[in-house]
Amino acid sequence: FTSAAEADRHPEEKVPVNLVSKWPFEWHIAALGLPAVILRPVSFME
């Protein structure tokens, strides 16, 4: 799963939706017990 840098610290902050939305997905993946890798890249040069 490609998340976003420091997604776990953004749930209460005013940040773009694309950051806030990542943490619940990470949490759900963990709750399901999926064997997973979480990638949290920073902003893209593109």
ModelCIF file with pLDDT and N, C-alpha, C, O atoms, coordinates in Angstrom:
data_MODEL
#
_entry.id   MODEL 
#
_entity.id                         1 
_entity.type                       polymer 
_entity.pdbx_number_of_molecules   1 
#
_entity_poly.entity_id                      1 
_entity_poly.type                           'polypeptide(L)' 
_entity_poly.nstd_linkage                   no 
_entity_poly.nstd_monomer                   no 
_entity_poly.pdbx_seq_one_letter_code       FTSAAEADRHPEEKVPVNLVSKWPFEWHIAALGLPAVILRPVSFME 
_entity_poly.pdbx_seq_one_letter_code_can   FTSAAEADRHPEEKVPVNLVSKWPFEWHIAALGLPAVILRPVSFME 
_entity_poly.pdbx_strand_id                 A 
#
loop_
_entity_poly_seq.entity_id 
_entity_poly_seq.num 
_entity_poly_seq.mon_id 
_entity_poly_seq.hetero 
1 1  PHE n 
1 2  THR n 
1 3  SER n 
1 4  ALA n 
1 5  ALA n 
1 6  GLU n 
1 7  ALA n 
1 8  ASP n 
1 9  ARG n 
1 10 HIS n 
1 11 PRO n 
1 12 GLU n 
1 13 GLU n 
1 14 LYS n 
1 15 VAL n 
1 16 PRO n 
1 17 VAL n 
1 18 ASN n 
1 19 LEU n 
1 20 VAL n 
1 21 SER n 
1 22 LYS n 
1 23 TRP n 
1 24 PRO n 
1 25 PHE n 
1 26 GLU n 
1 27 TRP n 
1 28 HIS n 
1 29 ILE n 
1 30 ALA n 
1 31 ALA n 
1 32 LEU n 
1 33 GLY n 
1 34 LEU n 
1 35 PRO n 
1 36 ALA n 
1 37 VAL n 
1 38 ILE n 
1 39 LEU n 
1 40 ARG n 
1 41 PRO n 
1 42 VAL n 
1 43 SER n 
1 44 PHE n 
1 45 MET n 
1 46 GLU n 
#
_struct_asym.id          A 
_struct_asym.entity_id   1 
#
loop_
_ma_qa_metric.id 
_ma_qa_metric.mode 
_ma_qa_metric.name 
_ma_qa_metric.software_group_id 
_ma_qa_metric.type 
1 global pLDDT . pLDDT 
2 local  pLDDT . pLDDT 
#
_ma_qa_metric_global.metric_id      1 
_ma_qa_metric_global.metric_value   82.04 
_ma_qa_metric_global.model_id       1 
_ma_qa_metric_global.ordinal_id     1 
#
loop_
_ma_qa_metric_local.label_asym_id 
_ma_qa_metric_local.label_comp_id 
_ma_qa_metric_local.label_seq_id 
_ma_qa_metric_local.metric_id 
_ma_qa_metric_local.metric_value 
_ma_qa_metric_local.model_id 
_ma_qa_metric_local.ordinal_id 
A PHE 1  2 93.00 1 1  
A THR 2  2 91.00 1 2  
A SER 3  2 89.00 1 3  
A ALA 4  2 86.00 1 4  
A ALA 5  2 84.00 1 5  
A GLU 6  2 77.00 1 6  
A ALA 7  2 76.00 1 7  
A ASP 8  2 73.00 1 8  
A ARG 9  2 69.00 1 9  
A HIS 10 2 55.00 1 10 
A PRO 11 2 56.00 1 11 
A GLU 12 2 61.00 1 12 
A GLU 13 2 61.00 1 13 
A LYS 14 2 61.00 1 14 
A VAL 15 2 60.00 1 15 
A PRO 16 2 63.00 1 16 
A VAL 17 2 64.00 1 17 
A ASN 18 2 65.00 1 18 
A LEU 19 2 69.00 1 19 
A VAL 20 2 70.00 1 20 
A SER 21 2 79.00 1 21 
A LYS 22 2 84.00 1 22 
A TRP 23 2 82.00 1 23 
A PRO 24 2 86.00 1 24 
A PHE 25 2 90.00 1 25 
A GLU 26 2 90.00 1 26 
A TRP 27 2 91.00 1 27 
A HIS 28 2 94.00 1 28 
A ILE 29 2 94.00 1 29 
A ALA 30 2 93.00 1 30 
A ALA 31 2 95.00 1 31 
A LEU 32 2 95.00 1 32 
A GLY 33 2 94.00 1 33 
A LEU 34 2 93.00 1 34 
A PRO 35 2 96.00 1 35 
A ALA 36 2 96.00 1 36 
A VAL 37 2 96.00 1 37 
A ILE 38 2 95.00 1 38 
A LEU 39 2 95.00 1 39 
A ARG 40 2 92.00 1 40 
A PRO 41 2 92.00 1 41 
A VAL 42 2 90.00 1 42 
A SER 43 2 86.00 1 43 
A PHE 44 2 87.00 1 44 
A MET 45 2 83.00 1 45 
A GLU 46 2 83.00 1 46 
#
loop_
_atom_site.group_PDB 
_atom_site.id 
_atom_site.type_symbol 
_atom_site.label_atom_id 
_atom_site.label_alt_id 
_atom_site.label_comp_id 
_atom_site.label_asym_id 
_atom_site.label_entity_id 
_atom_site.label_seq_id 
_atom_site.pdbx_PDB_ins_code 
_atom_site.Cartn_x 
_atom_site.Cartn_y 
_atom_site.Cartn_z 
_atom_site.occupancy 
_atom_site.B_iso_or_equiv 
_atom_site.pdbx_formal_charge 
_atom_site.auth_seq_id 
_atom_site.auth_comp_id 
_atom_site.auth_asym_id 
_atom_site.auth_atom_id 
_atom_site.pdbx_PDB_model_num 
ATOM 1   N N  . PHE A 1 1  ? 0.843  -1.197  0.000   1.00 93.00 ? 1  PHE A N  1 
ATOM 2   C CA . PHE A 1 1  ? 0.000  0.000   0.000   1.00 93.00 ? 1  PHE A CA 1 
ATOM 3   C C  . PHE A 1 1  ? 0.874  1.241   0.000   1.00 93.00 ? 1  PHE A C  1 
ATOM 4   O O  . PHE A 1 1  ? 1.780  1.376   0.822   1.00 93.00 ? 1  PHE A O  1 
ATOM 5   N N  . THR A 1 2  ? 0.594  2.143   -0.926  1.00 91.00 ? 2  THR A N  1 
ATOM 6   C CA . THR A 1 2  ? 1.304  3.415   -0.962  1.00 91.00 ? 2  THR A CA 1 
ATOM 7   C C  . THR A 1 2  ? 0.483  4.437   -0.212  1.00 91.00 ? 2  THR A C  1 
ATOM 8   O O  . THR A 1 2  ? -0.599 4.837   -0.643  1.00 91.00 ? 2  THR A O  1 
ATOM 9   N N  . SER A 1 3  ? 1.017  4.847   0.906   1.00 89.00 ? 3  SER A N  1 
ATOM 10  C CA . SER A 1 3  ? 0.368  5.817   1.779   1.00 89.00 ? 3  SER A CA 1 
ATOM 11  C C  . SER A 1 3  ? 1.007  7.179   1.544   1.00 89.00 ? 3  SER A C  1 
ATOM 12  O O  . SER A 1 3  ? 1.261  7.549   0.397   1.00 89.00 ? 3  SER A O  1 
ATOM 13  N N  . ALA A 1 4  ? 1.265  7.914   2.587   1.00 86.00 ? 4  ALA A N  1 
ATOM 14  C CA . ALA A 1 4  ? 1.909  9.222   2.495   1.00 86.00 ? 4  ALA A CA 1 
ATOM 15  C C  . ALA A 1 4  ? 2.804  9.424   3.706   1.00 86.00 ? 4  ALA A C  1 
ATOM 16  O O  . ALA A 1 4  ? 2.528  8.910   4.790   1.00 86.00 ? 4  ALA A O  1 
ATOM 17  N N  . ALA A 1 5  ? 3.868  10.170  3.514   1.00 84.00 ? 5  ALA A N  1 
ATOM 18  C CA . ALA A 1 5  ? 4.813  10.427  4.603   1.00 84.00 ? 5  ALA A CA 1 
ATOM 19  C C  . ALA A 1 5  ? 4.081  10.907  5.850   1.00 84.00 ? 5  ALA A C  1 
ATOM 20  O O  . ALA A 1 5  ? 3.255  11.819  5.794   1.00 84.00 ? 5  ALA A O  1 
ATOM 21  N N  . GLU A 1 6  ? 4.395  10.286  6.954   1.00 77.00 ? 6  GLU A N  1 
ATOM 22  C CA . GLU A 1 6  ? 3.854  10.646  8.266   1.00 77.00 ? 6  GLU A CA 1 
ATOM 23  C C  . GLU A 1 6  ? 2.328  10.632  8.314   1.00 77.00 ? 6  GLU A C  1 
ATOM 24  O O  . GLU A 1 6  ? 1.715  11.430  9.022   1.00 77.00 ? 6  GLU A O  1 
ATOM 25  N N  . ALA A 1 7  ? 1.724  9.725   7.561   1.00 76.00 ? 7  ALA A N  1 
ATOM 26  C CA . ALA A 1 7  ? 0.256  9.636   7.534   1.00 76.00 ? 7  ALA A CA 1 
ATOM 27  C C  . ALA A 1 7  ? -0.312 9.432   8.923   1.00 76.00 ? 7  ALA A C  1 
ATOM 28  O O  . ALA A 1 7  ? -1.411 9.898   9.224   1.00 76.00 ? 7  ALA A O  1 
ATOM 29  N N  . ASP A 1 8  ? 0.428  8.741   9.767   1.00 73.00 ? 8  ASP A N  1 
ATOM 30  C CA . ASP A 1 8  ? -0.063 8.448   11.113  1.00 73.00 ? 8  ASP A CA 1 
ATOM 31  C C  . ASP A 1 8  ? -0.122 9.673   12.021  1.00 73.00 ? 8  ASP A C  1 
ATOM 32  O O  . ASP A 1 8  ? -0.737 9.604   13.085  1.00 73.00 ? 8  ASP A O  1 
ATOM 33  N N  . ARG A 1 9  ? 0.489  10.780  11.644  1.00 69.00 ? 9  ARG A N  1 
ATOM 34  C CA . ARG A 1 9  ? 0.434  11.955  12.510  1.00 69.00 ? 9  ARG A CA 1 
ATOM 35  C C  . ARG A 1 9  ? -0.530 13.022  12.006  1.00 69.00 ? 9  ARG A C  1 
ATOM 36  O O  . ARG A 1 9  ? -0.618 14.098  12.597  1.00 69.00 ? 9  ARG A O  1 
ATOM 37  N N  . HIS A 1 10 ? -1.246 12.746  10.934  1.00 55.00 ? 10 HIS A N  1 
ATOM 38  C CA . HIS A 1 10 ? -2.112 13.755  10.327  1.00 55.00 ? 10 HIS A CA 1 
ATOM 39  C C  . HIS A 1 10 ? -3.597 13.688  10.660  1.00 55.00 ? 10 HIS A C  1 
ATOM 40  O O  . HIS A 1 10 ? -4.318 14.594  10.242  1.00 55.00 ? 10 HIS A O  1 
ATOM 41  N N  . PRO A 1 11 ? -4.114 12.702  11.370  1.00 56.00 ? 11 PRO A N  1 
ATOM 42  C CA . PRO A 1 11 ? -5.573 12.597  11.506  1.00 56.00 ? 11 PRO A CA 1 
ATOM 43  C C  . PRO A 1 11 ? -6.267 13.829  12.085  1.00 56.00 ? 11 PRO A C  1 
ATOM 44  O O  . PRO A 1 11 ? -7.419 14.096  11.745  1.00 56.00 ? 11 PRO A O  1 
ATOM 45  N N  . GLU A 1 12 ? -5.599 14.575  12.939  1.00 61.00 ? 12 GLU A N  1 
ATOM 46  C CA . GLU A 1 12 ? -6.239 15.728  13.575  1.00 61.00 ? 12 GLU A CA 1 
ATOM 47  C C  . GLU A 1 12 ? -5.820 17.057  12.963  1.00 61.00 ? 12 GLU A C  1 
ATOM 48  O O  . GLU A 1 12 ? -6.341 18.101  13.357  1.00 61.00 ? 12 GLU A O  1 
ATOM 49  N N  . GLU A 1 13 ? -4.901 17.047  12.018  1.00 61.00 ? 13 GLU A N  1 
ATOM 50  C CA . GLU A 1 13 ? -4.390 18.287  11.448  1.00 61.00 ? 13 GLU A CA 1 
ATOM 51  C C  . GLU A 1 13 ? -5.205 18.716  10.233  1.00 61.00 ? 13 GLU A C  1 
ATOM 52  O O  . GLU A 1 13 ? -5.870 17.900  9.596   1.00 61.00 ? 13 GLU A O  1 
ATOM 53  N N  . LYS A 1 14 ? -5.142 20.006  9.924   1.00 61.00 ? 14 LYS A N  1 
ATOM 54  C CA . LYS A 1 14 ? -5.741 20.506  8.687   1.00 61.00 ? 14 LYS A CA 1 
ATOM 55  C C  . LYS A 1 14 ? -4.705 20.351  7.588   1.00 61.00 ? 14 LYS A C  1 
ATOM 56  O O  . LYS A 1 14 ? -3.809 21.181  7.437   1.00 61.00 ? 14 LYS A O  1 
ATOM 57  N N  . VAL A 1 15 ? -4.837 19.301  6.843   1.00 60.00 ? 15 VAL A N  1 
ATOM 58  C CA . VAL A 1 15 ? -3.934 19.010  5.735   1.00 60.00 ? 15 VAL A CA 1 
ATOM 59  C C  . VAL A 1 15 ? -4.780 18.557  4.550   1.00 60.00 ? 15 VAL A C  1 
ATOM 60  O O  . VAL A 1 15 ? -5.969 18.281  4.712   1.00 60.00 ? 15 VAL A O  1 
ATOM 61  N N  . PRO A 1 16 ? -4.184 18.477  3.359   1.00 63.00 ? 16 PRO A N  1 
ATOM 62  C CA . PRO A 1 16 ? -4.957 18.036  2.194   1.00 63.00 ? 16 PRO A CA 1 
ATOM 63  C C  . PRO A 1 16 ? -5.604 16.669  2.419   1.00 63.00 ? 16 PRO A C  1 
ATOM 64  O O  . PRO A 1 16 ? -5.058 15.817  3.120   1.00 63.00 ? 16 PRO A O  1 
ATOM 65  N N  . VAL A 1 17 ? -6.760 16.479  1.821   1.00 64.00 ? 17 VAL A N  1 
ATOM 66  C CA . VAL A 1 17 ? -7.535 15.239  1.969   1.00 64.00 ? 17 VAL A CA 1 
ATOM 67  C C  . VAL A 1 17 ? -6.706 14.011  1.615   1.00 64.00 ? 17 VAL A C  1 
ATOM 68  O O  . VAL A 1 17 ? -6.857 12.961  2.240   1.00 64.00 ? 17 VAL A O  1 
ATOM 69  N N  . ASN A 1 18 ? -5.835 14.133  0.621   1.00 65.00 ? 18 ASN A N  1 
ATOM 70  C CA . ASN A 1 18 ? -5.049 12.965  0.228   1.00 65.00 ? 18 ASN A CA 1 
ATOM 71  C C  . ASN A 1 18 ? -4.140 12.480  1.360   1.00 65.00 ? 18 ASN A C  1 
ATOM 72  O O  . ASN A 1 18 ? -3.765 11.307  1.369   1.00 65.00 ? 18 ASN A O  1 
ATOM 73  N N  . LEU A 1 19 ? -3.778 13.335  2.306   1.00 69.00 ? 19 LEU A N  1 
ATOM 74  C CA . LEU A 1 19 ? -2.993 12.888  3.460   1.00 69.00 ? 19 LEU A CA 1 
ATOM 75  C C  . LEU A 1 19 ? -3.887 12.294  4.537   1.00 69.00 ? 19 LEU A C  1 
ATOM 76  O O  . LEU A 1 19 ? -3.595 11.221  5.065   1.00 69.00 ? 19 LEU A O  1 
ATOM 77  N N  . VAL A 1 20 ? -4.955 12.972  4.859   1.00 70.00 ? 20 VAL A N  1 
ATOM 78  C CA . VAL A 1 20 ? -5.857 12.525  5.914   1.00 70.00 ? 20 VAL A CA 1 
ATOM 79  C C  . VAL A 1 20 ? -6.451 11.163  5.570   1.00 70.00 ? 20 VAL A C  1 
ATOM 80  O O  . VAL A 1 20 ? -6.651 10.337  6.460   1.00 70.00 ? 20 VAL A O  1 
ATOM 81  N N  . SER A 1 21 ? -6.730 10.922  4.312   1.00 79.00 ? 21 SER A N  1 
ATOM 82  C CA . SER A 1 21 ? -7.400 9.681   3.917   1.00 79.00 ? 21 SER A CA 1 
ATOM 83  C C  . SER A 1 21 ? -6.502 8.458   4.017   1.00 79.00 ? 21 SER A C  1 
ATOM 84  O O  . SER A 1 21 ? -7.010 7.338   4.048   1.00 79.00 ? 21 SER A O  1 
ATOM 85  N N  . LYS A 1 22 ? -5.204 8.628   4.069   1.00 84.00 ? 22 LYS A N  1 
ATOM 86  C CA . LYS A 1 22 ? -4.286 7.480   4.049   1.00 84.00 ? 22 LYS A CA 1 
ATOM 87  C C  . LYS A 1 22 ? -4.280 6.699   5.364   1.00 84.00 ? 22 LYS A C  1 
ATOM 88  O O  . LYS A 1 22 ? -4.233 5.469   5.348   1.00 84.00 ? 22 LYS A O  1 
ATOM 89  N N  . TRP A 1 23 ? -4.326 7.394   6.495   1.00 82.00 ? 23 TRP A N  1 
ATOM 90  C CA . TRP A 1 23 ? -4.221 6.730   7.791   1.00 82.00 ? 23 TRP A CA 1 
ATOM 91  C C  . TRP A 1 23 ? -5.339 5.719   8.035   1.00 82.00 ? 23 TRP A C  1 
ATOM 92  O O  . TRP A 1 23 ? -5.045 4.612   8.485   1.00 82.00 ? 23 TRP A O  1 
ATOM 93  N N  . PRO A 1 24 ? -6.604 6.040   7.762   1.00 86.00 ? 24 PRO A N  1 
ATOM 94  C CA . PRO A 1 24 ? -7.652 5.023   7.971   1.00 86.00 ? 24 PRO A CA 1 
ATOM 95  C C  . PRO A 1 24 ? -7.426 3.753   7.136   1.00 86.00 ? 24 PRO A C  1 
ATOM 96  O O  . PRO A 1 24 ? -7.753 2.651   7.577   1.00 86.00 ? 24 PRO A O  1 
ATOM 97  N N  . PHE A 1 25 ? -6.874 3.911   5.947   1.00 90.00 ? 25 PHE A N  1 
ATOM 98  C CA . PHE A 1 25 ? -6.567 2.731   5.136   1.00 90.00 ? 25 PHE A CA 1 
ATOM 99  C C  . PHE A 1 25 ? -5.476 1.894   5.793   1.00 90.00 ? 25 PHE A C  1 
ATOM 100 O O  . PHE A 1 25 ? -5.578 0.668   5.846   1.00 90.00 ? 25 PHE A O  1 
ATOM 101 N N  . GLU A 1 26 ? -4.435 2.552   6.291   1.00 90.00 ? 26 GLU A N  1 
ATOM 102 C CA . GLU A 1 26 ? -3.378 1.806   6.984   1.00 90.00 ? 26 GLU A CA 1 
ATOM 103 C C  . GLU A 1 26 ? -3.960 1.054   8.189   1.00 90.00 ? 26 GLU A C  1 
ATOM 104 O O  . GLU A 1 26 ? -3.646 -0.115  8.413   1.00 90.00 ? 26 GLU A O  1 
ATOM 105 N N  . TRP A 1 27 ? -4.794 1.730   8.943   1.00 91.00 ? 27 TRP A N  1 
ATOM 106 C CA . TRP A 1 27 ? -5.400 1.128   10.127  1.00 91.00 ? 27 TRP A CA 1 
ATOM 107 C C  . TRP A 1 27 ? -6.258 -0.077  9.722   1.00 91.00 ? 27 TRP A C  1 
ATOM 108 O O  . TRP A 1 27 ? -6.217 -1.118  10.378  1.00 91.00 ? 27 TRP A O  1 
ATOM 109 N N  . HIS A 1 28 ? -7.031 0.066   8.647   1.00 94.00 ? 28 HIS A N  1 
ATOM 110 C CA . HIS A 1 28 ? -7.908 -1.017  8.187   1.00 94.00 ? 28 HIS A CA 1 
ATOM 111 C C  . HIS A 1 28 ? -7.096 -2.223  7.719   1.00 94.00 ? 28 HIS A C  1 
ATOM 112 O O  . HIS A 1 28 ? -7.461 -3.364  8.002   1.00 94.00 ? 28 HIS A O  1 
ATOM 113 N N  . ILE A 1 29 ? -6.006 -1.978  7.012   1.00 94.00 ? 29 ILE A N  1 
ATOM 114 C CA . ILE A 1 29 ? -5.139 -3.068  6.562   1.00 94.00 ? 29 ILE A CA 1 
ATOM 115 C C  . ILE A 1 29 ? -4.626 -3.850  7.772   1.00 94.00 ? 29 ILE A C  1 
ATOM 116 O O  . ILE A 1 29 ? -4.620 -5.081  7.774   1.00 94.00 ? 29 ILE A O  1 
ATOM 117 N N  . ALA A 1 30 ? -4.194 -3.111  8.802   1.00 93.00 ? 30 ALA A N  1 
ATOM 118 C CA . ALA A 1 30 ? -3.701 -3.766  10.026  1.00 93.00 ? 30 ALA A CA 1 
ATOM 119 C C  . ALA A 1 30 ? -4.823 -4.533  10.724  1.00 93.00 ? 30 ALA A C  1 
ATOM 120 O O  . ALA A 1 30 ? -4.608 -5.653  11.185  1.00 93.00 ? 30 ALA A O  1 
ATOM 121 N N  . ALA A 1 31 ? -6.019 -3.943  10.806  1.00 95.00 ? 31 ALA A N  1 
ATOM 122 C CA . ALA A 1 31 ? -7.145 -4.587  11.474  1.00 95.00 ? 31 ALA A CA 1 
ATOM 123 C C  . ALA A 1 31 ? -7.550 -5.885  10.766  1.00 95.00 ? 31 ALA A C  1 
ATOM 124 O O  . ALA A 1 31 ? -7.986 -6.838  11.411  1.00 95.00 ? 31 ALA A O  1 
ATOM 125 N N  . LEU A 1 32 ? -7.406 -5.916  9.455   1.00 95.00 ? 32 LEU A N  1 
ATOM 126 C CA . LEU A 1 32 ? -7.715 -7.135  8.699   1.00 95.00 ? 32 LEU A CA 1 
ATOM 127 C C  . LEU A 1 32 ? -6.643 -8.208  8.867   1.00 95.00 ? 32 LEU A C  1 
ATOM 128 O O  . LEU A 1 32 ? -6.874 -9.378  8.563   1.00 95.00 ? 32 LEU A O  1 
ATOM 129 N N  . GLY A 1 33 ? -5.479 -7.806  9.347   1.00 94.00 ? 33 GLY A N  1 
ATOM 130 C CA . GLY A 1 33 ? -4.380 -8.752  9.502   1.00 94.00 ? 33 GLY A CA 1 
ATOM 131 C C  . GLY A 1 33 ? -3.726 -9.145  8.197   1.00 94.00 ? 33 GLY A C  1 
ATOM 132 O O  . GLY A 1 33 ? -3.102 -10.202 8.103   1.00 94.00 ? 33 GLY A O  1 
ATOM 133 N N  . LEU A 1 34 ? -3.865 -8.290  7.175   1.00 93.00 ? 34 LEU A N  1 
ATOM 134 C CA . LEU A 1 34 ? -3.247 -8.596  5.885   1.00 93.00 ? 34 LEU A CA 1 
ATOM 135 C C  . LEU A 1 34 ? -1.728 -8.588  5.992   1.00 93.00 ? 34 LEU A C  1 
ATOM 136 O O  . LEU A 1 34 ? -1.160 -7.719  6.653   1.00 93.00 ? 34 LEU A O  1 
ATOM 137 N N  . PRO A 1 35 ? -1.069 -9.537  5.354   1.00 96.00 ? 35 PRO A N  1 
ATOM 138 C CA . PRO A 1 35 ? 0.382  -9.427  5.259   1.00 96.00 ? 35 PRO A CA 1 
ATOM 139 C C  . PRO A 1 35 ? 0.664  -8.263  4.304   1.00 96.00 ? 35 PRO A C  1 
ATOM 140 O O  . PRO A 1 35 ? 0.360  -8.334  3.113   1.00 96.00 ? 35 PRO A O  1 
ATOM 141 N N  . ALA A 1 36 ? 1.242  -7.205  4.842   1.00 96.00 ? 36 ALA A N  1 
ATOM 142 C CA . ALA A 1 36 ? 1.340  -5.982  4.038   1.00 96.00 ? 36 ALA A CA 1 
ATOM 143 C C  . ALA A 1 36 ? 2.645  -5.242  4.252   1.00 96.00 ? 36 ALA A C  1 
ATOM 144 O O  . ALA A 1 36 ? 3.322  -5.393  5.269   1.00 96.00 ? 36 ALA A O  1 
ATOM 145 N N  . VAL A 1 37 ? 2.969  -4.439  3.255   1.00 96.00 ? 37 VAL A N  1 
ATOM 146 C CA . VAL A 1 37 ? 4.063  -3.474  3.305   1.00 96.00 ? 37 VAL A CA 1 
ATOM 147 C C  . VAL A 1 37 ? 3.411  -2.109  3.120   1.00 96.00 ? 37 VAL A C  1 
ATOM 148 O O  . VAL A 1 37 ? 2.594  -1.923  2.219   1.00 96.00 ? 37 VAL A O  1 
ATOM 149 N N  . ILE A 1 38 ? 3.770  -1.168  3.967   1.00 95.00 ? 38 ILE A N  1 
ATOM 150 C CA . ILE A 1 38 ? 3.244  0.189   3.845   1.00 95.00 ? 38 ILE A CA 1 
ATOM 151 C C  . ILE A 1 38 ? 4.384  1.090   3.391   1.00 95.00 ? 38 ILE A C  1 
ATOM 152 O O  . ILE A 1 38 ? 5.397  1.209   4.079   1.00 95.00 ? 38 ILE A O  1 
ATOM 153 N N  . LEU A 1 39 ? 4.220  1.714   2.249   1.00 95.00 ? 39 LEU A N  1 
ATOM 154 C CA . LEU A 1 39 ? 5.195  2.691   1.754   1.00 95.00 ? 39 LEU A CA 1 
ATOM 155 C C  . LEU A 1 39 ? 4.619  4.081   1.982   1.00 95.00 ? 39 LEU A C  1 
ATOM 156 O O  . LEU A 1 39 ? 3.483  4.355   1.595   1.00 95.00 ? 39 LEU A O  1 
ATOM 157 N N  . ARG A 1 40 ? 5.396  4.957   2.606   1.00 92.00 ? 40 ARG A N  1 
ATOM 158 C CA . ARG A 1 40 ? 4.947  6.315   2.908   1.00 92.00 ? 40 ARG A CA 1 
ATOM 159 C C  . ARG A 1 40 ? 5.879  7.340   2.262   1.00 92.00 ? 40 ARG A C  1 
ATOM 160 O O  . ARG A 1 40 ? 6.645  8.001   2.964   1.00 92.00 ? 40 ARG A O  1 
ATOM 161 N N  . PRO A 1 41 ? 5.827  7.480   0.945   1.00 92.00 ? 41 PRO A N  1 
ATOM 162 C CA . PRO A 1 41 ? 6.730  8.434   0.294   1.00 92.00 ? 41 PRO A CA 1 
ATOM 163 C C  . PRO A 1 41 ? 6.345  9.882   0.585   1.00 92.00 ? 41 PRO A C  1 
ATOM 164 O O  . PRO A 1 41 ? 5.206  10.191  0.934   1.00 92.00 ? 41 PRO A O  1 
ATOM 165 N N  . VAL A 1 42 ? 7.333  10.751  0.428   1.00 90.00 ? 42 VAL A N  1 
ATOM 166 C CA . VAL A 1 42 ? 7.130  12.189  0.569   1.00 90.00 ? 42 VAL A CA 1 
ATOM 167 C C  . VAL A 1 42 ? 6.482  12.726  -0.712  1.00 90.00 ? 42 VAL A C  1 
ATOM 168 O O  . VAL A 1 42 ? 6.104  11.944  -1.585  1.00 90.00 ? 42 VAL A O  1 
ATOM 169 N N  . SER A 1 43 ? 6.351  14.039  -0.830  1.00 86.00 ? 43 SER A N  1 
ATOM 170 C CA . SER A 1 43 ? 5.760  14.655  -2.026  1.00 86.00 ? 43 SER A CA 1 
ATOM 171 C C  . SER A 1 43 ? 6.569  14.310  -3.272  1.00 86.00 ? 43 SER A C  1 
ATOM 172 O O  . SER A 1 43 ? 7.780  14.097  -3.211  1.00 86.00 ? 43 SER A O  1 
ATOM 173 N N  . PHE A 1 44 ? 5.877  14.260  -4.387  1.00 87.00 ? 44 PHE A N  1 
ATOM 174 C CA . PHE A 1 44 ? 6.522  13.894  -5.646  1.00 87.00 ? 44 PHE A CA 1 
ATOM 175 C C  . PHE A 1 44 ? 7.056  15.111  -6.385  1.00 87.00 ? 44 PHE A C  1 
ATOM 176 O O  . PHE A 1 44 ? 6.396  16.148  -6.448  1.00 87.00 ? 44 PHE A O  1 
ATOM 177 N N  . MET A 1 45 ? 8.250  14.980  -6.942  1.00 83.00 ? 45 MET A N  1 
ATOM 178 C CA . MET A 1 45 ? 8.825  16.043  -7.771  1.00 83.00 ? 45 MET A CA 1 
ATOM 179 C C  . MET A 1 45 ? 7.900  16.369  -8.944  1.00 83.00 ? 45 MET A C  1 
ATOM 180 O O  . MET A 1 45 ? 7.793  17.520  -9.368  1.00 83.00 ? 45 MET A O  1 
ATOM 181 N N  . GLU A 1 46 ? 7.236  15.334  -9.457  1.00 83.00 ? 46 GLU A N  1 
ATOM 182 C CA . GLU A 1 46 ? 6.363  15.525  -10.613 1.00 83.00 ? 46 GLU A CA 1 
ATOM 183 C C  . GLU A 1 46 ? 5.192  16.465  -10.318 1.00 83.00 ? 46 GLU A C  1 
ATOM 184 O O  . GLU A 1 46 ? 4.370  16.723  -11.198 1.00 83.00 ? 46 GLU A O  1 
#
